[in-house]
Amino acid sequence: MKPSELDQIVRSVKKGESDLYGQLVFNFQQQIFKYCFHMLGQLQEAEDVTQDIFLKGLERLDQYQEGTSFSAWLYKIAYHECLNRINRAKTYNRLLRILSWSTTAVQAETSIPKLQFNQELHGAMLQLNLKDRHIIWLRIVEENRFEDIAIQMNMSYAAVRKRYERAKDKLRRTIAIKEDDKDGRSFSY
């Protein structure tokens, strides 16, 4: 598709003809998917992120500057989405290492898997206020999107994202301090 055709479609979509956005998706979907697959290394993740990229592209289409490369603009979104997904996976894996999983019998006749926090994480989570704890849980354990959490909590996307980052940093610092204290006590004579 020629740049002039792309710009015409973008202008039309900006004017409210959102059904034309499908042409842009059709034109770039395969190359964006391939990029995401190589960045993430997993088919399902690449499919999910590709959908997210095109949704964000539509939401942010007013930010696209006519006359610039639409492909480059879309790849910038793709890069940041893949980076976010990779960072989220790292955070999730770190949290899983902190958590200890066990199955306990709740009653004699039933057995339900129960998640138990290790002491450091449990204590760190309790130091967070209730809203931050809720955001951490929904985001990391339940894997909800920030948009969904924002709707649930009647907050803006940016506010949820900022609270999440601050709470995650506070958890990290609290756990690191406790680990340092443990190391210091074990080596003191």
N, C-alpha and C. Protein backbone atom coordinates (compact mmCIF):
# COMPACT_ATOMS: atom_id res chain seq x y z
N MET A 1 0.85 -1.17 0.00
CA MET A 1 0.00 0.00 0.00
C MET A 1 0.90 1.24 0.00
N LYS A 2 0.58 2.19 -0.86
CA LYS A 2 1.37 3.41 -0.99
C LYS A 2 1.15 4.33 0.22
N PRO A 3 2.18 5.12 0.56
CA PRO A 3 2.03 6.06 1.68
C PRO A 3 0.83 7.00 1.52
N SER A 4 0.56 7.43 0.31
CA SER A 4 -0.57 8.34 0.10
C SER A 4 -1.90 7.64 0.40
N GLU A 5 -1.98 6.35 0.04
CA GLU A 5 -3.18 5.57 0.34
C GLU A 5 -3.35 5.40 1.85
N LEU A 6 -2.22 5.12 2.53
CA LEU A 6 -2.24 4.97 3.99
C LEU A 6 -2.74 6.25 4.65
N ASP A 7 -2.18 7.37 4.21
CA ASP A 7 -2.59 8.64 4.80
C ASP A 7 -4.07 8.92 4.55
N GLN A 8 -4.58 8.57 3.36
CA GLN A 8 -5.99 8.78 3.06
C GLN A 8 -6.87 7.93 3.99
N ILE A 9 -6.47 6.68 4.19
CA ILE A 9 -7.23 5.80 5.08
C ILE A 9 -7.18 6.34 6.51
N VAL A 10 -6.02 6.76 6.96
CA VAL A 10 -5.87 7.30 8.31
C VAL A 10 -6.76 8.53 8.48
N ARG A 11 -6.75 9.43 7.49
CA ARG A 11 -7.62 10.62 7.57
C ARG A 11 -9.09 10.23 7.69
N SER A 12 -9.49 9.23 6.90
CA SER A 12 -10.88 8.78 6.93
C SER A 12 -11.24 8.18 8.28
N VAL A 13 -10.33 7.38 8.84
CA VAL A 13 -10.59 6.76 10.15
C VAL A 13 -10.68 7.85 11.22
N LYS A 14 -9.79 8.83 11.15
CA LYS A 14 -9.83 9.93 12.11
C LYS A 14 -11.14 10.71 12.03
N LYS A 15 -11.73 10.74 10.84
CA LYS A 15 -13.00 11.46 10.65
C LYS A 15 -14.20 10.62 11.08
N GLY A 16 -13.95 9.38 11.53
CA GLY A 16 -15.05 8.58 12.05
C GLY A 16 -15.37 7.32 11.27
N GLU A 17 -14.70 7.08 10.17
CA GLU A 17 -14.95 5.87 9.38
C GLU A 17 -14.05 4.74 9.90
N SER A 18 -14.32 4.33 11.13
CA SER A 18 -13.45 3.37 11.80
C SER A 18 -13.42 2.00 11.12
N ASP A 19 -14.43 1.68 10.32
CA ASP A 19 -14.42 0.39 9.62
C ASP A 19 -13.27 0.29 8.62
N LEU A 20 -12.75 1.43 8.16
CA LEU A 20 -11.61 1.42 7.24
C LEU A 20 -10.32 1.02 7.94
N TYR A 21 -10.31 1.08 9.26
CA TYR A 21 -9.11 0.68 10.01
C TYR A 21 -8.76 -0.78 9.72
N GLY A 22 -9.76 -1.57 9.39
CA GLY A 22 -9.52 -2.96 9.04
C GLY A 22 -8.55 -3.12 7.87
N GLN A 23 -8.55 -2.16 6.96
CA GLN A 23 -7.60 -2.22 5.84
C GLN A 23 -6.16 -2.06 6.33
N LEU A 24 -6.00 -1.17 7.29
CA LEU A 24 -4.66 -1.00 7.87
C LEU A 24 -4.22 -2.26 8.61
N VAL A 25 -5.14 -2.82 9.36
CA VAL A 25 -4.84 -4.07 10.08
C VAL A 25 -4.46 -5.15 9.09
N PHE A 26 -5.27 -5.31 8.05
CA PHE A 26 -5.00 -6.34 7.04
C PHE A 26 -3.63 -6.14 6.41
N ASN A 27 -3.28 -4.89 6.14
CA ASN A 27 -2.01 -4.60 5.47
C ASN A 27 -0.79 -4.88 6.35
N PHE A 28 -0.91 -4.67 7.66
CA PHE A 28 0.26 -4.77 8.54
C PHE A 28 0.23 -5.94 9.52
N GLN A 29 -0.86 -6.66 9.57
CA GLN A 29 -1.03 -7.69 10.58
C GLN A 29 0.05 -8.76 10.56
N GLN A 30 0.36 -9.29 9.42
CA GLN A 30 1.34 -10.37 9.34
C GLN A 30 2.73 -9.92 9.78
N GLN A 31 3.16 -8.75 9.30
CA GLN A 31 4.52 -8.32 9.67
C GLN A 31 4.60 -7.95 11.15
N ILE A 32 3.55 -7.38 11.71
CA ILE A 32 3.56 -7.07 13.13
C ILE A 32 3.53 -8.36 13.95
N PHE A 33 2.72 -9.32 13.51
CA PHE A 33 2.67 -10.61 14.20
C PHE A 33 4.04 -11.29 14.19
N LYS A 34 4.70 -11.32 13.05
CA LYS A 34 6.03 -11.94 12.95
C LYS A 34 7.02 -11.25 13.88
N TYR A 35 6.96 -9.93 13.90
CA TYR A 35 7.84 -9.17 14.79
C TYR A 35 7.59 -9.57 16.24
N CYS A 36 6.33 -9.60 16.64
CA CYS A 36 5.98 -9.95 18.02
C CYS A 36 6.40 -11.37 18.35
N PHE A 37 6.22 -12.28 17.39
CA PHE A 37 6.62 -13.67 17.63
C PHE A 37 8.11 -13.76 17.88
N HIS A 38 8.89 -13.03 17.10
CA HIS A 38 10.35 -13.08 17.29
C HIS A 38 10.77 -12.36 18.56
N MET A 39 10.05 -11.36 18.95
CA MET A 39 10.38 -10.65 20.19
C MET A 39 10.01 -11.47 21.41
N LEU A 40 8.86 -12.14 21.36
CA LEU A 40 8.33 -12.83 22.53
C LEU A 40 8.62 -14.32 22.54
N GLY A 41 8.76 -14.91 21.37
CA GLY A 41 9.09 -16.33 21.28
C GLY A 41 7.95 -17.29 21.54
N GLN A 42 6.74 -16.78 21.68
CA GLN A 42 5.59 -17.65 21.94
C GLN A 42 4.45 -17.25 21.02
N LEU A 43 3.84 -18.23 20.40
CA LEU A 43 2.78 -17.99 19.43
C LEU A 43 1.58 -17.29 20.05
N GLN A 44 1.08 -17.81 21.16
CA GLN A 44 -0.11 -17.24 21.79
C GLN A 44 0.14 -15.82 22.27
N GLU A 45 1.30 -15.60 22.87
CA GLU A 45 1.66 -14.25 23.33
C GLU A 45 1.71 -13.29 22.14
N ALA A 46 2.31 -13.73 21.06
CA ALA A 46 2.43 -12.88 19.87
C ALA A 46 1.05 -12.53 19.31
N GLU A 47 0.14 -13.50 19.30
CA GLU A 47 -1.22 -13.24 18.82
C GLU A 47 -1.92 -12.22 19.71
N ASP A 48 -1.81 -12.40 21.03
CA ASP A 48 -2.45 -11.48 21.97
C ASP A 48 -1.89 -10.06 21.85
N VAL A 49 -0.57 -9.97 21.79
CA VAL A 49 0.07 -8.65 21.71
C VAL A 49 -0.27 -7.98 20.38
N THR A 50 -0.32 -8.74 19.31
CA THR A 50 -0.66 -8.17 18.01
C THR A 50 -2.05 -7.53 18.06
N GLN A 51 -2.99 -8.20 18.67
CA GLN A 51 -4.33 -7.62 18.82
C GLN A 51 -4.27 -6.34 19.65
N ASP A 52 -3.53 -6.39 20.75
CA ASP A 52 -3.40 -5.20 21.60
C ASP A 52 -2.78 -4.03 20.84
N ILE A 53 -1.80 -4.32 20.00
CA ILE A 53 -1.12 -3.27 19.23
C ILE A 53 -2.11 -2.57 18.31
N PHE A 54 -2.93 -3.35 17.61
CA PHE A 54 -3.87 -2.72 16.69
C PHE A 54 -4.99 -1.98 17.41
N LEU A 55 -5.37 -2.46 18.58
CA LEU A 55 -6.35 -1.72 19.37
C LEU A 55 -5.76 -0.39 19.85
N LYS A 56 -4.52 -0.45 20.34
CA LYS A 56 -3.87 0.79 20.79
C LYS A 56 -3.62 1.72 19.61
N GLY A 57 -3.31 1.14 18.46
CA GLY A 57 -3.12 1.95 17.26
C GLY A 57 -4.38 2.72 16.92
N LEU A 58 -5.51 2.07 17.01
CA LEU A 58 -6.79 2.74 16.73
C LEU A 58 -7.08 3.81 17.78
N GLU A 59 -6.84 3.47 19.04
CA GLU A 59 -7.08 4.44 20.12
C GLU A 59 -6.18 5.66 20.02
N ARG A 60 -4.97 5.47 19.51
CA ARG A 60 -3.97 6.55 19.46
C ARG A 60 -3.76 7.10 18.05
N LEU A 61 -4.65 6.79 17.16
CA LEU A 61 -4.47 7.19 15.78
C LEU A 61 -4.34 8.71 15.62
N ASP A 62 -4.95 9.45 16.51
CA ASP A 62 -4.83 10.91 16.44
C ASP A 62 -3.40 11.38 16.71
N GLN A 63 -2.55 10.51 17.28
CA GLN A 63 -1.16 10.86 17.55
C GLN A 63 -0.27 10.63 16.34
N TYR A 64 -0.78 9.88 15.36
CA TYR A 64 0.00 9.62 14.15
C TYR A 64 0.10 10.90 13.33
N GLN A 65 1.32 11.25 12.94
CA GLN A 65 1.58 12.46 12.16
C GLN A 65 1.54 12.09 10.67
N GLU A 66 0.61 12.67 9.96
CA GLU A 66 0.48 12.41 8.53
C GLU A 66 1.77 12.80 7.82
N GLY A 67 2.18 11.98 6.88
CA GLY A 67 3.41 12.22 6.15
C GLY A 67 4.60 11.46 6.71
N THR A 68 4.49 10.96 7.93
CA THR A 68 5.55 10.12 8.49
C THR A 68 5.23 8.67 8.17
N SER A 69 6.14 7.80 8.46
CA SER A 69 5.96 6.38 8.17
C SER A 69 4.96 5.75 9.13
N PHE A 70 3.83 5.30 8.60
CA PHE A 70 2.84 4.63 9.43
C PHE A 70 3.41 3.33 9.98
N SER A 71 4.17 2.65 9.16
CA SER A 71 4.80 1.40 9.58
C SER A 71 5.73 1.63 10.78
N ALA A 72 6.54 2.68 10.72
CA ALA A 72 7.46 2.97 11.84
C ALA A 72 6.66 3.31 13.10
N TRP A 73 5.58 4.06 12.94
CA TRP A 73 4.74 4.43 14.08
C TRP A 73 4.13 3.18 14.71
N LEU A 74 3.68 2.26 13.87
CA LEU A 74 3.09 1.02 14.36
C LEU A 74 4.13 0.13 15.03
N TYR A 75 5.33 0.08 14.45
CA TYR A 75 6.40 -0.71 15.07
C TYR A 75 6.83 -0.14 16.42
N LYS A 76 6.74 1.16 16.56
CA LYS A 76 7.06 1.77 17.86
C LYS A 76 6.08 1.28 18.91
N ILE A 77 4.81 1.25 18.55
CA ILE A 77 3.80 0.72 19.47
C ILE A 77 4.09 -0.75 19.76
N ALA A 78 4.42 -1.51 18.72
CA ALA A 78 4.71 -2.94 18.87
C ALA A 78 5.91 -3.17 19.79
N TYR A 79 6.94 -2.37 19.62
CA TYR A 79 8.12 -2.51 20.47
C TYR A 79 7.76 -2.32 21.93
N HIS A 80 7.02 -1.25 22.21
CA HIS A 80 6.68 -0.96 23.61
C HIS A 80 5.72 -2.01 24.18
N GLU A 81 4.82 -2.50 23.38
CA GLU A 81 3.91 -3.55 23.86
C GLU A 81 4.67 -4.83 24.16
N CYS A 82 5.60 -5.20 23.29
CA CYS A 82 6.41 -6.41 23.53
C CYS A 82 7.29 -6.22 24.76
N LEU A 83 7.88 -5.07 24.89
CA LEU A 83 8.72 -4.78 26.05
C LEU A 83 7.90 -4.85 27.33
N ASN A 84 6.72 -4.27 27.31
CA ASN A 84 5.84 -4.35 28.48
C ASN A 84 5.49 -5.79 28.81
N ARG A 85 5.20 -6.59 27.80
CA ARG A 85 4.83 -7.99 28.03
C ARG A 85 6.01 -8.76 28.61
N ILE A 86 7.21 -8.51 28.10
CA ILE A 86 8.41 -9.19 28.61
C ILE A 86 8.66 -8.79 30.06
N ASN A 87 8.57 -7.50 30.36
CA ASN A 87 8.78 -7.03 31.73
C ASN A 87 7.72 -7.59 32.67
N ARG A 88 6.49 -7.65 32.20
CA ARG A 88 5.41 -8.20 33.02
C ARG A 88 5.67 -9.68 33.31
N ALA A 89 6.17 -10.41 32.33
CA ALA A 89 6.48 -11.83 32.53
C ALA A 89 7.61 -12.00 33.53
N LYS A 90 8.61 -11.12 33.45
CA LYS A 90 9.72 -11.19 34.42
C LYS A 90 9.21 -10.93 35.83
N THR A 91 8.37 -9.91 35.97
CA THR A 91 7.80 -9.58 37.28
C THR A 91 6.96 -10.73 37.80
N TYR A 92 6.15 -11.30 36.93
CA TYR A 92 5.29 -12.41 37.31
C TYR A 92 6.13 -13.61 37.75
N ASN A 93 7.18 -13.91 37.01
CA ASN A 93 8.05 -15.04 37.37
C ASN A 93 8.77 -14.79 38.70
N ARG A 94 9.19 -13.54 38.93
CA ARG A 94 9.81 -13.22 40.21
C ARG A 94 8.82 -13.41 41.35
N LEU A 95 7.61 -12.97 41.13
CA LEU A 95 6.58 -13.12 42.16
C LEU A 95 6.29 -14.60 42.42
N LEU A 96 6.25 -15.39 41.36
CA LEU A 96 6.00 -16.82 41.54
C LEU A 96 7.11 -17.48 42.36
N ARG A 97 8.34 -17.01 42.16
CA ARG A 97 9.43 -17.58 42.95
C ARG A 97 9.28 -17.22 44.42
N ILE A 98 8.71 -16.05 44.68
CA ILE A 98 8.53 -15.61 46.06
C ILE A 98 7.39 -16.39 46.72
N LEU A 99 6.40 -16.71 45.92
CA LEU A 99 5.25 -17.42 46.47
C LEU A 99 5.58 -18.90 46.66
N SER A 100 5.03 -19.47 47.68
CA SER A 100 5.16 -20.92 47.82
C SER A 100 3.77 -21.52 47.66
N TRP A 101 3.66 -22.50 46.83
CA TRP A 101 2.37 -23.12 46.56
C TRP A 101 2.26 -24.39 47.39
N SER A 102 1.10 -24.62 47.92
CA SER A 102 0.88 -25.87 48.62
C SER A 102 -0.59 -26.23 48.54
N THR A 103 -0.86 -27.49 48.67
CA THR A 103 -2.23 -27.96 48.70
C THR A 103 -2.53 -28.42 50.11
N THR A 104 -3.59 -27.88 50.68
CA THR A 104 -3.97 -28.28 52.03
C THR A 104 -5.42 -28.70 52.04
N ALA A 105 -5.74 -29.58 52.93
CA ALA A 105 -7.13 -30.01 53.07
C ALA A 105 -7.87 -28.98 53.91
N VAL A 106 -8.91 -28.42 53.34
CA VAL A 106 -9.70 -27.44 54.06
C VAL A 106 -10.67 -28.16 54.99
N GLN A 107 -11.26 -29.21 54.47
CA GLN A 107 -12.12 -30.04 55.29
C GLN A 107 -11.76 -31.49 54.99
N ALA A 108 -12.18 -32.37 55.83
CA ALA A 108 -11.83 -33.78 55.65
C ALA A 108 -12.35 -34.31 54.31
N GLU A 109 -13.53 -33.88 53.88
CA GLU A 109 -14.10 -34.43 52.65
C GLU A 109 -13.68 -33.71 51.38
N THR A 110 -13.08 -32.51 51.48
CA THR A 110 -12.65 -31.79 50.28
C THR A 110 -11.22 -31.34 50.41
N SER A 111 -10.56 -31.23 49.28
CA SER A 111 -9.21 -30.71 49.24
C SER A 111 -9.16 -29.61 48.19
N ILE A 112 -8.80 -28.41 48.60
CA ILE A 112 -8.78 -27.26 47.70
C ILE A 112 -7.37 -26.71 47.68
N PRO A 113 -6.80 -26.45 46.47
CA PRO A 113 -5.48 -25.83 46.45
C PRO A 113 -5.54 -24.47 47.12
N LYS A 114 -4.54 -24.19 47.93
CA LYS A 114 -4.52 -22.93 48.67
C LYS A 114 -3.17 -22.26 48.43
N LEU A 115 -3.22 -20.99 48.12
CA LEU A 115 -2.01 -20.22 47.91
C LEU A 115 -1.53 -19.68 49.24
N GLN A 116 -0.30 -19.97 49.56
CA GLN A 116 0.26 -19.44 50.79
C GLN A 116 1.45 -18.56 50.43
N PHE A 117 1.50 -17.37 50.99
CA PHE A 117 2.62 -16.48 50.77
C PHE A 117 3.75 -16.86 51.70
N ASN A 118 4.96 -16.69 51.24
CA ASN A 118 6.05 -16.82 52.19
C ASN A 118 5.99 -15.61 53.11
N GLN A 119 6.64 -15.66 54.20
CA GLN A 119 6.53 -14.63 55.23
C GLN A 119 6.95 -13.25 54.74
N GLU A 120 8.03 -13.18 53.95
CA GLU A 120 8.52 -11.90 53.47
C GLU A 120 7.48 -11.22 52.58
N LEU A 121 6.92 -11.97 51.64
CA LEU A 121 5.94 -11.39 50.73
C LEU A 121 4.67 -11.02 51.49
N HIS A 122 4.25 -11.89 52.36
CA HIS A 122 3.03 -11.62 53.13
C HIS A 122 3.19 -10.33 53.94
N GLY A 123 4.30 -10.19 54.60
CA GLY A 123 4.56 -8.98 55.38
C GLY A 123 4.65 -7.73 54.49
N ALA A 124 5.31 -7.87 53.35
CA ALA A 124 5.43 -6.74 52.43
C ALA A 124 4.08 -6.34 51.86
N MET A 125 3.26 -7.32 51.53
CA MET A 125 1.92 -7.03 51.00
C MET A 125 1.07 -6.32 52.04
N LEU A 126 1.21 -6.72 53.30
CA LEU A 126 0.43 -6.10 54.36
C LEU A 126 0.85 -4.65 54.61
N GLN A 127 2.06 -4.29 54.22
CA GLN A 127 2.51 -2.91 54.38
C GLN A 127 1.92 -1.99 53.31
N LEU A 128 1.41 -2.57 52.24
CA LEU A 128 0.75 -1.77 51.21
C LEU A 128 -0.65 -1.39 51.67
N ASN A 129 -1.14 -0.24 51.19
CA ASN A 129 -2.53 0.07 51.51
C ASN A 129 -3.43 -0.84 50.68
N LEU A 130 -4.69 -0.88 51.04
CA LEU A 130 -5.62 -1.83 50.44
C LEU A 130 -5.75 -1.66 48.93
N LYS A 131 -5.80 -0.42 48.45
CA LYS A 131 -5.92 -0.19 47.01
C LYS A 131 -4.72 -0.75 46.26
N ASP A 132 -3.52 -0.48 46.79
CA ASP A 132 -2.31 -0.96 46.13
C ASP A 132 -2.23 -2.48 46.15
N ARG A 133 -2.60 -3.06 47.25
CA ARG A 133 -2.63 -4.53 47.36
C ARG A 133 -3.58 -5.11 46.31
N HIS A 134 -4.73 -4.47 46.18
CA HIS A 134 -5.73 -4.91 45.21
C HIS A 134 -5.18 -4.82 43.79
N ILE A 135 -4.54 -3.71 43.47
CA ILE A 135 -3.98 -3.52 42.13
C ILE A 135 -2.89 -4.55 41.86
N ILE A 136 -2.01 -4.78 42.82
CA ILE A 136 -0.95 -5.78 42.66
C ILE A 136 -1.56 -7.16 42.39
N TRP A 137 -2.54 -7.51 43.18
CA TRP A 137 -3.15 -8.82 43.04
C TRP A 137 -3.83 -8.97 41.68
N LEU A 138 -4.62 -7.98 41.31
CA LEU A 138 -5.33 -8.06 40.03
C LEU A 138 -4.37 -8.10 38.85
N ARG A 139 -3.30 -7.33 38.94
CA ARG A 139 -2.38 -7.22 37.82
C ARG A 139 -1.47 -8.44 37.70
N ILE A 140 -0.86 -8.85 38.81
CA ILE A 140 0.16 -9.90 38.73
C ILE A 140 -0.46 -11.29 38.84
N VAL A 141 -1.29 -11.51 39.81
CA VAL A 141 -1.83 -12.86 40.02
C VAL A 141 -2.98 -13.15 39.07
N GLU A 142 -3.93 -12.22 38.97
CA GLU A 142 -5.08 -12.42 38.10
C GLU A 142 -4.81 -12.03 36.65
N GLU A 143 -3.69 -11.35 36.40
CA GLU A 143 -3.26 -10.94 35.07
C GLU A 143 -4.28 -10.06 34.35
N ASN A 144 -4.95 -9.18 35.10
CA ASN A 144 -5.88 -8.24 34.49
C ASN A 144 -5.12 -7.12 33.79
N ARG A 145 -5.73 -6.56 32.78
CA ARG A 145 -5.14 -5.42 32.08
C ARG A 145 -5.36 -4.16 32.92
N PHE A 146 -4.46 -3.19 32.74
CA PHE A 146 -4.60 -1.94 33.47
C PHE A 146 -5.93 -1.26 33.15
N GLU A 147 -6.36 -1.37 31.90
CA GLU A 147 -7.62 -0.76 31.50
C GLU A 147 -8.78 -1.34 32.31
N ASP A 148 -8.77 -2.66 32.50
CA ASP A 148 -9.83 -3.33 33.25
C ASP A 148 -9.79 -2.95 34.73
N ILE A 149 -8.59 -2.86 35.28
CA ILE A 149 -8.44 -2.47 36.68
C ILE A 149 -8.92 -1.03 36.86
N ALA A 150 -8.60 -0.17 35.91
CA ALA A 150 -9.03 1.23 35.99
C ALA A 150 -10.55 1.33 36.02
N ILE A 151 -11.20 0.54 35.20
CA ILE A 151 -12.66 0.54 35.18
C ILE A 151 -13.19 0.01 36.50
N GLN A 152 -12.62 -1.09 36.98
CA GLN A 152 -13.07 -1.68 38.23
C GLN A 152 -12.93 -0.71 39.40
N MET A 153 -11.86 0.06 39.40
CA MET A 153 -11.58 0.93 40.54
C MET A 153 -12.02 2.37 40.32
N ASN A 154 -12.64 2.63 39.17
CA ASN A 154 -13.10 3.97 38.84
C ASN A 154 -11.95 4.98 38.92
N MET A 155 -10.83 4.60 38.29
CA MET A 155 -9.64 5.44 38.26
C MET A 155 -9.19 5.56 36.80
N SER A 156 -8.32 6.49 36.52
CA SER A 156 -7.77 6.59 35.17
C SER A 156 -6.72 5.49 34.97
N TYR A 157 -6.49 5.17 33.71
CA TYR A 157 -5.46 4.20 33.36
C TYR A 157 -4.11 4.63 33.94
N ALA A 158 -3.77 5.91 33.74
CA ALA A 158 -2.48 6.43 34.21
C ALA A 158 -2.34 6.32 35.72
N ALA A 159 -3.42 6.60 36.45
CA ALA A 159 -3.37 6.52 37.91
C ALA A 159 -3.15 5.08 38.37
N VAL A 160 -3.84 4.14 37.74
CA VAL A 160 -3.66 2.72 38.09
C VAL A 160 -2.24 2.29 37.79
N ARG A 161 -1.75 2.66 36.62
CA ARG A 161 -0.40 2.28 36.21
C ARG A 161 0.64 2.83 37.19
N LYS A 162 0.47 4.09 37.57
CA LYS A 162 1.42 4.72 38.50
C LYS A 162 1.37 4.05 39.87
N ARG A 163 0.15 3.78 40.38
CA ARG A 163 0.02 3.11 41.68
C ARG A 163 0.65 1.72 41.63
N TYR A 164 0.45 1.03 40.53
CA TYR A 164 1.02 -0.31 40.36
C TYR A 164 2.55 -0.25 40.43
N GLU A 165 3.14 0.66 39.68
CA GLU A 165 4.61 0.77 39.65
C GLU A 165 5.15 1.12 41.04
N ARG A 166 4.50 2.04 41.71
CA ARG A 166 4.95 2.43 43.06
C ARG A 166 4.81 1.27 44.05
N ALA A 167 3.68 0.57 43.99
CA ALA A 167 3.46 -0.55 44.90
C ALA A 167 4.46 -1.67 44.63
N LYS A 168 4.72 -1.95 43.36
CA LYS A 168 5.68 -2.98 43.00
C LYS A 168 7.08 -2.62 43.51
N ASP A 169 7.45 -1.35 43.37
CA ASP A 169 8.75 -0.91 43.88
C ASP A 169 8.82 -1.02 45.40
N LYS A 170 7.73 -0.67 46.06
CA LYS A 170 7.71 -0.77 47.53
C LYS A 170 7.84 -2.23 47.97
N LEU A 171 7.15 -3.13 47.27
CA LEU A 171 7.30 -4.56 47.59
C LEU A 171 8.75 -5.00 47.43
N ARG A 172 9.35 -4.61 46.32
CA ARG A 172 10.73 -4.98 46.05
C ARG A 172 11.66 -4.49 47.15
N ARG A 173 11.51 -3.20 47.51
CA ARG A 173 12.37 -2.62 48.54
C ARG A 173 12.15 -3.29 49.89
N THR A 174 10.91 -3.53 50.24
CA THR A 174 10.60 -4.15 51.54
C THR A 174 11.19 -5.55 51.61
N ILE A 175 11.03 -6.32 50.57
CA ILE A 175 11.58 -7.69 50.56
C ILE A 175 13.10 -7.65 50.58
N ALA A 176 13.71 -6.73 49.82
CA ALA A 176 15.17 -6.63 49.80
C ALA A 176 15.71 -6.25 51.18
N ILE A 177 15.03 -5.33 51.87
CA ILE A 177 15.46 -4.92 53.21
C ILE A 177 15.39 -6.10 54.17
N LYS A 178 14.30 -6.87 54.09
CA LYS A 178 14.16 -8.03 54.97
C LYS A 178 15.22 -9.09 54.67
N GLU A 179 15.53 -9.27 53.38
CA GLU A 179 16.57 -10.24 53.03
C GLU A 179 17.93 -9.77 53.53
N ASP A 180 18.20 -8.46 53.43
CA ASP A 180 19.46 -7.91 53.95
C ASP A 180 19.54 -8.09 55.46
N ASP A 181 18.42 -7.86 56.14
CA ASP A 181 18.40 -8.04 57.60
C ASP A 181 18.69 -9.48 57.96
N LYS A 182 18.10 -10.41 57.21
CA LYS A 182 18.35 -11.84 57.48
C LYS A 182 19.81 -12.18 57.29
N ASP A 183 20.37 -11.69 56.17
CA ASP A 183 21.78 -11.97 55.88
C ASP A 183 22.68 -11.38 56.96
N GLY A 184 22.36 -10.19 57.41
CA GLY A 184 23.16 -9.53 58.45
C GLY A 184 23.11 -10.26 59.76
N ARG A 185 21.93 -10.75 60.13
CA ARG A 185 21.78 -11.48 61.40
C ARG A 185 22.48 -12.82 61.35
N SER A 186 22.46 -13.47 60.20
CA SER A 186 23.04 -14.80 60.14
C SER A 186 24.56 -14.77 60.20
N PHE A 187 25.17 -13.61 59.83
CA PHE A 187 26.61 -13.54 59.83
C PHE A 187 27.16 -12.75 61.01
N SER A 188 26.31 -12.25 61.87
CA SER A 188 26.83 -11.48 63.02
C SER A 188 27.26 -12.45 64.11
N TYR A 189 28.37 -12.13 64.77
CA TYR A 189 28.91 -13.01 65.81
C TYR A 189 28.84 -12.36 67.14
